[in-house]
């Protein structure tokens, strides 16, 4: 699973700074910081549906848009996507202001009943574990019908890769896809800053980490198992 690769690598060498310290970013306590580009890129590839936040004439605007990462383009990578032509986001945004694309990794509610120290002190409370990547950058509009087919084919190939018989964009009738393409506009975000927050019980003692892992694995769902892998990686790195 892709999350096991993230878990295996995330604590290995947290030495890479992916954004200038004077910029405003989300609150990240030191023990939750995940600064390495390759780990953040892995999350973006695994969960490409972003929350894209822009500043419009009416204030903050948020849209939920799948974005395809090109890691080689730019120091932190470049994101490509598309929006409906009817969506005002591609026309009404402050060009001099960075946009923010938020990518959510595994997340799970952590009940205090899982903490081993509950029986000892009772001093435990609920929390929420999660992994997120924030990509800041400049939004560029690609209103070019010749660009969209290749983008849509690449985006489809990325998301169909796990299926035994992947659907291809060329499987649909050409006149049908041409009509749909006319209703779309491409977007590009060259990433200028990239930050990550891995809140996976690093602030808990080892015995609590162990019992959190047990509790998550007992839940059995994919999200809980993915979070258990991240907590295990953090526990091993202590």
Protein backbone atom coordinates (compact mmCIF):
# COMPACT_ATOMS: atom_id res chain seq x y z
CA UNK A 1 0.00 0.00 0.00
CA UNK A 2 1.08 3.52 -0.72
CA UNK A 3 0.66 4.55 2.92
CA UNK A 4 3.14 1.93 4.07
CA UNK A 5 5.76 3.56 1.84
CA UNK A 6 4.96 6.92 3.41
CA UNK A 7 5.18 5.40 6.88
CA UNK A 8 8.48 3.68 6.18
CA UNK A 9 10.18 6.86 4.99
CA UNK A 10 8.71 9.75 6.88
CA UNK A 11 10.98 9.81 9.93
CA UNK A 12 14.25 8.83 8.28
CA UNK A 13 15.98 12.20 7.84
CA UNK A 14 13.76 15.23 8.49
CA UNK A 15 16.35 17.78 7.40
CA UNK A 16 14.88 19.31 4.26
CA UNK A 17 13.22 22.73 4.56
CA UNK A 18 10.48 23.20 1.98
CA UNK A 19 9.48 26.79 2.67
CA UNK A 20 10.96 30.04 3.87
CA UNK A 21 10.50 30.50 7.64
CA UNK A 22 9.15 34.05 7.36
CA UNK A 23 6.05 32.89 5.47
CA UNK A 24 2.83 32.21 7.33
CA UNK A 25 1.96 28.51 7.32
CA UNK A 26 -0.22 26.23 9.40
CA UNK A 27 0.73 25.65 13.01
CA UNK A 28 3.18 22.73 13.11
CA UNK A 29 4.76 21.70 16.44
CA UNK A 30 8.29 20.41 15.85
CA UNK A 31 7.47 16.77 16.55
CA UNK A 32 4.72 16.83 13.91
CA UNK A 33 6.76 18.48 11.15
CA UNK A 34 7.26 16.51 7.92
CA UNK A 35 9.52 18.65 5.72
CA UNK A 36 10.75 16.18 3.10
CA UNK A 37 9.54 16.73 -0.43
CA UNK A 38 9.48 13.07 -1.46
CA UNK A 39 7.18 12.13 1.43
CA UNK A 40 4.80 15.01 0.73
CA UNK A 41 4.79 14.17 -2.97
CA UNK A 42 3.85 10.58 -2.11
CA UNK A 43 0.82 11.82 -0.18
CA UNK A 44 -0.21 14.12 -3.04
CA UNK A 45 0.00 11.26 -5.53
CA UNK A 46 -1.93 8.92 -3.23
CA UNK A 47 -4.73 11.41 -2.57
CA UNK A 48 -4.88 13.87 -5.45
CA UNK A 49 -8.25 15.42 -4.53
CA UNK A 50 -7.22 18.83 -3.23
CA UNK A 51 -9.05 21.59 -1.44
CA UNK A 52 -7.96 24.56 -3.54
CA UNK A 53 -8.21 27.86 -1.65
CA UNK A 54 -8.07 31.10 -3.63
CA UNK A 55 -8.72 34.75 -2.88
CA UNK A 56 -11.52 36.11 -5.06
CA UNK A 57 -13.14 39.53 -5.27
CA UNK A 58 -15.66 38.35 -2.70
CA UNK A 59 -13.15 36.85 -0.27
CA UNK A 60 -11.83 33.34 0.26
CA UNK A 61 -13.05 30.67 -2.14
CA UNK A 62 -12.60 26.90 -1.84
CA UNK A 63 -13.01 24.26 -4.54
CA UNK A 64 -12.34 20.53 -4.48
CA UNK A 65 -10.22 19.64 -7.50
CA UNK A 66 -8.10 16.57 -8.37
CA UNK A 67 -4.56 17.75 -9.14
CA UNK A 68 -1.86 15.76 -10.91
CA UNK A 69 1.69 16.26 -9.64
CA UNK A 70 4.67 16.71 -11.95
CA UNK A 71 7.54 16.33 -9.49
CA UNK A 72 10.29 17.30 -11.93
CA UNK A 73 8.83 20.69 -12.82
CA UNK A 74 9.99 23.39 -10.38
CA UNK A 75 11.82 23.07 -7.06
CA UNK A 76 8.78 21.61 -5.27
CA UNK A 77 6.85 20.28 -8.25
CA UNK A 78 3.96 21.55 -10.34
CA UNK A 79 0.26 20.68 -10.09
CA UNK A 80 -2.09 20.41 -13.06
CA UNK A 81 -5.86 20.15 -13.05
CA UNK A 82 -9.01 21.39 -14.70
CA UNK A 83 -12.24 23.09 -13.70
CA UNK A 84 -15.61 23.60 -15.33
CA UNK A 85 -15.68 26.65 -17.56
CA UNK A 86 -18.81 27.66 -15.63
CA UNK A 87 -16.80 27.76 -12.38
CA UNK A 88 -15.83 31.39 -11.68
CA UNK A 89 -12.63 30.35 -9.91
CA UNK A 90 -10.56 30.47 -13.11
CA UNK A 91 -11.49 34.11 -13.78
CA UNK A 92 -12.10 35.59 -10.34
CA UNK A 93 -8.89 35.21 -8.33
CA UNK A 94 -6.22 37.60 -7.09
CA UNK A 95 -3.27 36.88 -9.37
CA UNK A 96 -0.76 38.53 -7.02
CA UNK A 97 -1.79 36.29 -4.09
CA UNK A 98 -0.65 32.68 -3.63
CA UNK A 99 -3.22 29.93 -3.82
CA UNK A 100 -3.22 27.00 -1.40
CA UNK A 101 -3.89 23.37 -2.32
CA UNK A 102 -4.53 21.13 0.69
CA UNK A 103 -4.08 17.36 0.42
CA UNK A 104 -5.42 15.12 3.18
CA UNK A 105 -3.72 11.82 4.00
CA UNK A 106 -4.85 9.19 6.52
CA UNK A 107 -6.80 10.44 9.52
CA UNK A 108 -8.44 8.81 12.52
CA UNK A 109 -10.17 9.68 15.77
CA UNK A 110 -8.15 8.52 18.77
CA UNK A 111 -10.25 7.55 21.78
CA UNK A 112 -8.59 8.00 25.20
CA UNK A 113 -9.77 4.47 26.02
CA UNK A 114 -6.86 3.24 23.90
CA UNK A 115 -4.20 4.90 26.05
CA UNK A 116 -2.39 2.53 28.41
CA UNK A 117 -1.81 5.37 30.88
CA UNK A 118 -5.56 5.87 31.35
CA UNK A 119 -5.60 3.15 34.02
CA UNK A 120 -2.59 4.71 35.76
CA UNK A 121 -3.51 8.39 35.92
CA UNK A 122 -6.79 8.98 34.10
CA UNK A 123 -5.14 12.04 32.56
CA UNK A 124 -6.06 11.33 28.95
CA UNK A 125 -8.33 13.07 26.46
CA UNK A 126 -9.50 12.37 22.90
CA UNK A 127 -7.62 13.66 19.88
CA UNK A 128 -7.50 13.33 16.12
CA UNK A 129 -4.51 11.99 14.20
CA UNK A 130 -3.92 13.09 10.61
CA UNK A 131 -1.38 13.69 7.86
CA UNK A 132 -1.69 16.67 5.52
CA UNK A 133 0.33 18.45 2.86
CA UNK A 134 -0.08 22.14 2.02
CA UNK A 135 1.12 23.32 -1.38
CA UNK A 136 1.31 27.06 -2.04
CA UNK A 137 1.91 28.53 -5.46
CA UNK A 138 0.94 30.71 -8.37
CA UNK A 139 -2.23 29.84 -10.26
CA UNK A 140 -2.01 29.95 -14.05
CA UNK A 141 -4.97 29.41 -16.36
CA UNK A 142 -4.55 27.19 -19.42
CA UNK A 143 -7.48 28.01 -21.71
CA UNK A 144 -6.22 25.78 -24.49
CA UNK A 145 -8.29 22.96 -25.98
CA UNK A 146 -5.14 21.33 -27.39
CA UNK A 147 -3.60 21.01 -23.89
CA UNK A 148 -6.57 19.38 -22.20
CA UNK A 149 -6.65 15.95 -23.95
CA UNK A 150 -3.10 15.07 -22.87
CA UNK A 151 -3.78 16.32 -19.34
CA UNK A 152 -7.02 14.35 -19.04
CA UNK A 153 -5.34 11.22 -20.39
CA UNK A 154 -2.51 11.55 -17.84
CA UNK A 155 -4.89 12.25 -14.95
CA UNK A 156 -7.06 9.29 -15.93
CA UNK A 157 -4.06 6.97 -16.27
CA UNK A 158 -2.86 7.96 -12.79
CA UNK A 159 -6.21 7.25 -11.16
CA UNK A 160 -7.00 4.10 -13.17
CA UNK A 161 -3.61 2.47 -12.54
CA UNK A 162 -4.89 0.29 -9.69
CA UNK A 163 -7.69 -1.28 -11.76
CA UNK A 164 -7.14 -4.60 -13.58
CA UNK A 165 -8.45 -3.17 -16.88
CA UNK A 166 -7.84 0.59 -16.74
CA UNK A 167 -10.27 2.83 -18.60
CA UNK A 168 -8.58 5.17 -21.05
CA UNK A 169 -9.73 8.59 -22.15
CA UNK A 170 -9.67 7.33 -25.74
CA UNK A 171 -12.27 4.67 -24.87
CA UNK A 172 -15.05 7.27 -25.08
CA UNK A 173 -16.33 8.53 -28.47
CA UNK A 174 -14.21 11.38 -29.82
CA UNK A 175 -17.14 13.71 -30.51
CA UNK A 176 -18.39 13.15 -26.95
CA UNK A 177 -15.04 13.96 -25.31
CA UNK A 178 -14.52 16.95 -27.60
CA UNK A 179 -17.80 18.41 -26.36
CA UNK A 180 -16.80 17.85 -22.74
CA UNK A 181 -13.35 19.37 -23.29
CA UNK A 182 -15.00 22.53 -24.58
CA UNK A 183 -16.64 22.94 -21.17
CA UNK A 184 -13.34 22.74 -19.27
CA UNK A 185 -10.44 25.06 -18.50
CA UNK A 186 -6.99 23.86 -17.44
CA UNK A 187 -5.10 25.13 -14.41
CA UNK A 188 -1.46 24.97 -13.35
CA UNK A 189 0.09 25.67 -9.95
CA UNK A 190 3.86 25.95 -9.74
CA UNK A 191 4.53 25.06 -6.10
CA UNK A 192 6.56 27.76 -4.34
CA UNK A 193 6.18 26.42 -0.79
CA UNK A 194 5.38 22.96 0.52
CA UNK A 195 4.71 22.00 4.14
CA UNK A 196 3.55 18.84 5.85
CA UNK A 197 2.09 17.96 9.21
CA UNK A 198 2.12 14.35 10.44
CA UNK A 199 0.23 14.28 13.76
CA UNK A 200 0.55 10.58 14.53
CA UNK A 201 0.89 10.26 18.33
CA UNK A 202 4.58 11.27 18.44
CA UNK A 203 3.79 13.25 21.61
CA UNK A 204 2.59 10.14 23.46
CA UNK A 205 4.75 7.77 25.55
CA UNK A 206 5.72 4.49 23.93
CA UNK A 207 3.12 2.45 25.82
CA UNK A 208 0.33 4.70 24.57
CA UNK A 209 1.63 4.55 21.01
CA UNK A 210 1.57 0.76 21.19
CA UNK A 211 -2.01 0.62 22.42
CA UNK A 212 -3.15 3.22 19.88
CA UNK A 213 -1.73 0.99 17.14
CA UNK A 214 -3.62 -1.98 18.59
CA UNK A 215 -6.84 0.02 18.74
CA UNK A 216 -6.53 1.27 15.18
CA UNK A 217 -5.76 -2.19 13.83
CA UNK A 218 -8.76 -3.59 15.66
CA UNK A 219 -10.97 -1.10 13.80
CA UNK A 220 -9.98 -2.91 10.61
CA UNK A 221 -10.93 -0.27 8.04
CA UNK A 222 -8.39 0.97 5.50
CA UNK A 223 -8.12 4.44 7.01
CA UNK A 224 -7.44 3.11 10.52
CA UNK A 225 -4.88 0.63 9.22
CA UNK A 226 -3.12 3.38 7.29
CA UNK A 227 -2.95 5.52 10.42
CA UNK A 228 -1.69 2.56 12.45
CA UNK A 229 1.20 2.25 9.99
CA UNK A 230 2.07 5.92 10.47
CA UNK A 231 1.95 5.64 14.26
CA UNK A 232 4.11 2.52 14.07
CA UNK A 233 6.68 4.40 12.00
CA UNK A 234 6.75 7.19 14.57
CA UNK A 235 7.04 4.72 17.45
CA UNK A 236 9.98 2.96 15.77
CA UNK A 237 11.75 6.28 15.22
CA UNK A 238 11.68 7.32 18.88
